[in-house]
Amino acid sequence: MTDDSPDTLASIDAAHAELLSQSDTAIARVLEDLVDVLITRGVIQFTDLPEAAQAKLLTRRQTRARLKDSLQLLPGDGEGGLL
């Protein structure tokens, strides 16, 4: 017998929504990497993309670069930092 109560169904729907959200994030990263590969190999040019897509990709690249830079500021293993 299954529990078809509204709370149970809402919980299941929320779990499915979370799985879809995680999947969307993973697919976005795959597509971002795919675009980079296509550009690097000369299959497409960055300017071939619509302006809205260019803006989003540039924002994402800048965000990733800032994150990478901030992580490099943290001391690594054996560097004697506080962390």
N, C-alpha and C. Protein backbone atom coordinates (compact mmCIF):
# COMPACT_ATOMS: atom_id res chain seq x y z
N MET A 1 0.84 -1.17 0.00
CA MET A 1 0.00 0.00 0.00
C MET A 1 0.89 1.25 0.00
N THR A 2 0.53 2.26 -0.77
CA THR A 2 1.32 3.47 -0.86
C THR A 2 0.68 4.59 -0.06
N ASP A 3 1.50 5.51 0.33
CA ASP A 3 1.03 6.69 1.06
C ASP A 3 0.82 7.81 0.04
N ASP A 4 -0.42 8.07 -0.31
CA ASP A 4 -0.74 9.11 -1.29
C ASP A 4 -1.15 10.41 -0.63
N SER A 5 -0.71 10.64 0.60
CA SER A 5 -1.09 11.87 1.29
C SER A 5 -0.45 13.07 0.58
N PRO A 6 -1.06 14.23 0.69
CA PRO A 6 -0.51 15.43 0.05
C PRO A 6 0.92 15.74 0.49
N ASP A 7 1.22 15.52 1.78
CA ASP A 7 2.57 15.78 2.27
C ASP A 7 3.60 14.86 1.61
N THR A 8 3.24 13.59 1.48
CA THR A 8 4.15 12.62 0.86
C THR A 8 4.35 12.96 -0.61
N LEU A 9 3.26 13.27 -1.30
CA LEU A 9 3.37 13.62 -2.72
C LEU A 9 4.17 14.90 -2.91
N ALA A 10 4.00 15.86 -2.04
CA ALA A 10 4.77 17.11 -2.12
C ALA A 10 6.25 16.84 -1.88
N SER A 11 6.55 15.95 -0.95
CA SER A 11 7.93 15.58 -0.67
C SER A 11 8.58 14.91 -1.87
N ILE A 12 7.83 14.01 -2.51
CA ILE A 12 8.35 13.33 -3.71
C ILE A 12 8.56 14.33 -4.83
N ASP A 13 7.60 15.24 -5.02
CA ASP A 13 7.74 16.27 -6.06
C ASP A 13 8.95 17.15 -5.79
N ALA A 14 9.18 17.51 -4.54
CA ALA A 14 10.33 18.34 -4.18
C ALA A 14 11.63 17.58 -4.46
N ALA A 15 11.66 16.30 -4.17
CA ALA A 15 12.86 15.50 -4.44
C ALA A 15 13.13 15.42 -5.94
N HIS A 16 12.07 15.23 -6.73
CA HIS A 16 12.24 15.19 -8.18
C HIS A 16 12.70 16.54 -8.71
N ALA A 17 12.16 17.61 -8.18
CA ALA A 17 12.56 18.95 -8.60
C ALA A 17 14.03 19.19 -8.30
N GLU A 18 14.49 18.71 -7.13
CA GLU A 18 15.90 18.87 -6.77
C GLU A 18 16.80 18.07 -7.70
N LEU A 19 16.39 16.85 -8.04
CA LEU A 19 17.17 16.04 -8.98
C LEU A 19 17.25 16.70 -10.35
N LEU A 20 16.14 17.26 -10.80
CA LEU A 20 16.14 17.96 -12.08
C LEU A 20 17.04 19.20 -12.04
N SER A 21 17.01 19.91 -10.93
CA SER A 21 17.85 21.09 -10.78
C SER A 21 19.33 20.72 -10.83
N GLN A 22 19.70 19.66 -10.12
CA GLN A 22 21.09 19.19 -10.15
C GLN A 22 21.48 18.75 -11.56
N SER A 23 20.57 18.08 -12.24
CA SER A 23 20.83 17.64 -13.61
C SER A 23 20.99 18.84 -14.54
N ASP A 24 20.16 19.86 -14.35
CA ASP A 24 20.26 21.08 -15.16
C ASP A 24 21.64 21.72 -14.99
N THR A 25 22.12 21.77 -13.77
CA THR A 25 23.43 22.36 -13.49
C THR A 25 24.53 21.56 -14.17
N ALA A 26 24.45 20.24 -14.09
CA ALA A 26 25.46 19.39 -14.72
C ALA A 26 25.43 19.54 -16.24
N ILE A 27 24.25 19.57 -16.82
CA ILE A 27 24.13 19.73 -18.27
C ILE A 27 24.65 21.09 -18.71
N ALA A 28 24.38 22.12 -17.93
CA ALA A 28 24.89 23.46 -18.26
C ALA A 28 26.41 23.45 -18.32
N ARG A 29 27.05 22.76 -17.39
CA ARG A 29 28.52 22.67 -17.39
C ARG A 29 29.02 21.91 -18.61
N VAL A 30 28.32 20.84 -18.96
CA VAL A 30 28.69 20.07 -20.15
C VAL A 30 28.59 20.94 -21.40
N LEU A 31 27.49 21.66 -21.52
CA LEU A 31 27.30 22.52 -22.69
C LEU A 31 28.33 23.65 -22.74
N GLU A 32 28.66 24.20 -21.59
CA GLU A 32 29.68 25.24 -21.53
C GLU A 32 31.03 24.69 -22.02
N ASP A 33 31.39 23.50 -21.56
CA ASP A 33 32.63 22.87 -22.00
C ASP A 33 32.58 22.54 -23.49
N LEU A 34 31.43 22.09 -23.98
CA LEU A 34 31.27 21.77 -25.39
C LEU A 34 31.48 23.02 -26.25
N VAL A 35 30.89 24.12 -25.84
CA VAL A 35 31.07 25.38 -26.58
C VAL A 35 32.54 25.76 -26.60
N ASP A 36 33.23 25.63 -25.48
CA ASP A 36 34.66 25.94 -25.43
C ASP A 36 35.46 25.06 -26.39
N VAL A 37 35.14 23.76 -26.43
CA VAL A 37 35.84 22.85 -27.34
C VAL A 37 35.59 23.23 -28.79
N LEU A 38 34.35 23.52 -29.12
CA LEU A 38 34.02 23.90 -30.50
C LEU A 38 34.73 25.18 -30.91
N ILE A 39 34.82 26.13 -30.00
CA ILE A 39 35.53 27.38 -30.30
C ILE A 39 37.02 27.11 -30.45
N THR A 40 37.60 26.34 -29.53
CA THR A 40 39.03 26.04 -29.57
C THR A 40 39.41 25.33 -30.87
N ARG A 41 38.56 24.42 -31.32
CA ARG A 41 38.85 23.66 -32.55
C ARG A 41 38.47 24.43 -33.82
N GLY A 42 37.92 25.60 -33.67
CA GLY A 42 37.59 26.43 -34.81
C GLY A 42 36.32 26.00 -35.54
N VAL A 43 35.52 25.18 -34.92
CA VAL A 43 34.27 24.75 -35.53
C VAL A 43 33.27 25.91 -35.56
N ILE A 44 33.23 26.68 -34.48
CA ILE A 44 32.41 27.87 -34.41
C ILE A 44 33.26 29.00 -33.86
N GLN A 45 32.77 30.21 -34.04
CA GLN A 45 33.42 31.37 -33.43
C GLN A 45 32.50 31.88 -32.32
N PHE A 46 33.12 32.45 -31.32
CA PHE A 46 32.35 32.99 -30.20
C PHE A 46 31.30 33.97 -30.69
N THR A 47 31.65 34.74 -31.69
CA THR A 47 30.73 35.75 -32.22
C THR A 47 29.59 35.14 -33.03
N ASP A 48 29.66 33.83 -33.34
CA ASP A 48 28.55 33.15 -34.00
C ASP A 48 27.36 32.98 -33.06
N LEU A 49 27.63 33.00 -31.78
CA LEU A 49 26.58 32.81 -30.78
C LEU A 49 25.75 34.08 -30.64
N PRO A 50 24.49 33.95 -30.29
CA PRO A 50 23.67 35.15 -30.03
C PRO A 50 24.29 35.99 -28.91
N GLU A 51 24.05 37.28 -28.95
CA GLU A 51 24.65 38.18 -27.97
C GLU A 51 24.28 37.79 -26.54
N ALA A 52 23.05 37.34 -26.33
CA ALA A 52 22.64 36.94 -24.97
C ALA A 52 23.48 35.75 -24.51
N ALA A 53 23.74 34.80 -25.39
CA ALA A 53 24.56 33.63 -25.03
C ALA A 53 26.00 34.05 -24.76
N GLN A 54 26.51 34.97 -25.57
CA GLN A 54 27.87 35.47 -25.36
C GLN A 54 27.99 36.11 -23.98
N ALA A 55 27.02 36.93 -23.63
CA ALA A 55 27.05 37.63 -22.34
C ALA A 55 27.02 36.63 -21.19
N LYS A 56 26.16 35.62 -21.30
CA LYS A 56 26.07 34.62 -20.23
C LYS A 56 27.36 33.82 -20.10
N LEU A 57 27.94 33.44 -21.23
CA LEU A 57 29.20 32.69 -21.19
C LEU A 57 30.33 33.54 -20.60
N LEU A 58 30.39 34.81 -20.99
CA LEU A 58 31.43 35.69 -20.45
C LEU A 58 31.27 35.86 -18.94
N THR A 59 30.05 36.07 -18.49
CA THR A 59 29.80 36.21 -17.05
C THR A 59 30.22 34.95 -16.31
N ARG A 60 29.88 33.81 -16.86
CA ARG A 60 30.24 32.53 -16.23
C ARG A 60 31.76 32.35 -16.19
N ARG A 61 32.43 32.67 -17.28
CA ARG A 61 33.91 32.55 -17.33
C ARG A 61 34.55 33.46 -16.29
N GLN A 62 34.05 34.68 -16.19
CA GLN A 62 34.61 35.63 -15.22
C GLN A 62 34.39 35.13 -13.80
N THR A 63 33.22 34.60 -13.53
CA THR A 63 32.90 34.07 -12.20
C THR A 63 33.80 32.90 -11.87
N ARG A 64 33.98 31.98 -12.82
CA ARG A 64 34.85 30.82 -12.59
C ARG A 64 36.30 31.25 -12.38
N ALA A 65 36.75 32.26 -13.13
CA ALA A 65 38.12 32.75 -12.98
C ALA A 65 38.33 33.37 -11.60
N ARG A 66 37.34 34.16 -11.14
CA ARG A 66 37.45 34.77 -9.81
C ARG A 66 37.48 33.69 -8.73
N LEU A 67 36.64 32.67 -8.89
CA LEU A 67 36.61 31.58 -7.92
C LEU A 67 37.95 30.85 -7.91
N LYS A 68 38.49 30.58 -9.07
CA LYS A 68 39.78 29.90 -9.17
C LYS A 68 40.87 30.74 -8.51
N ASP A 69 40.86 32.05 -8.79
CA ASP A 69 41.86 32.94 -8.18
C ASP A 69 41.73 32.97 -6.67
N SER A 70 40.50 33.02 -6.15
CA SER A 70 40.32 33.08 -4.70
C SER A 70 40.73 31.76 -4.06
N LEU A 71 40.53 30.64 -4.73
CA LEU A 71 40.95 29.36 -4.18
C LEU A 71 42.47 29.23 -4.17
N GLN A 72 43.14 29.86 -5.12
CA GLN A 72 44.60 29.81 -5.17
C GLN A 72 45.22 30.64 -4.06
N LEU A 73 44.45 31.58 -3.50
CA LEU A 73 44.95 32.39 -2.41
C LEU A 73 45.00 31.61 -1.10
N LEU A 74 44.24 30.51 -1.02
CA LEU A 74 44.24 29.69 0.19
C LEU A 74 45.52 28.86 0.22
N PRO A 75 46.13 28.73 1.39
CA PRO A 75 47.35 27.93 1.46
C PRO A 75 47.04 26.45 1.22
N GLY A 76 47.96 25.80 0.51
CA GLY A 76 47.79 24.38 0.23
C GLY A 76 48.43 23.54 1.32
N ASP A 77 48.40 22.23 1.14
CA ASP A 77 49.01 21.32 2.11
C ASP A 77 50.50 21.62 2.26
N GLY A 78 50.95 21.67 3.47
CA GLY A 78 52.37 21.87 3.73
C GLY A 78 52.86 23.30 3.60
N GLU A 79 51.94 24.25 3.38
CA GLU A 79 52.37 25.64 3.24
C GLU A 79 52.32 26.38 4.57
N GLY A 80 51.87 25.73 5.62
CA GLY A 80 51.89 26.34 6.92
C GLY A 80 50.87 27.42 7.16
N GLY A 81 49.77 27.43 6.43
CA GLY A 81 48.74 28.43 6.62
C GLY A 81 47.85 28.10 7.81
N LEU A 82 46.93 28.99 8.07
CA LEU A 82 46.01 28.81 9.19
C LEU A 82 44.94 27.78 8.88
N LEU A 83 44.63 27.57 7.63
CA LEU A 83 43.55 26.65 7.26
C LEU A 83 44.02 25.23 7.18
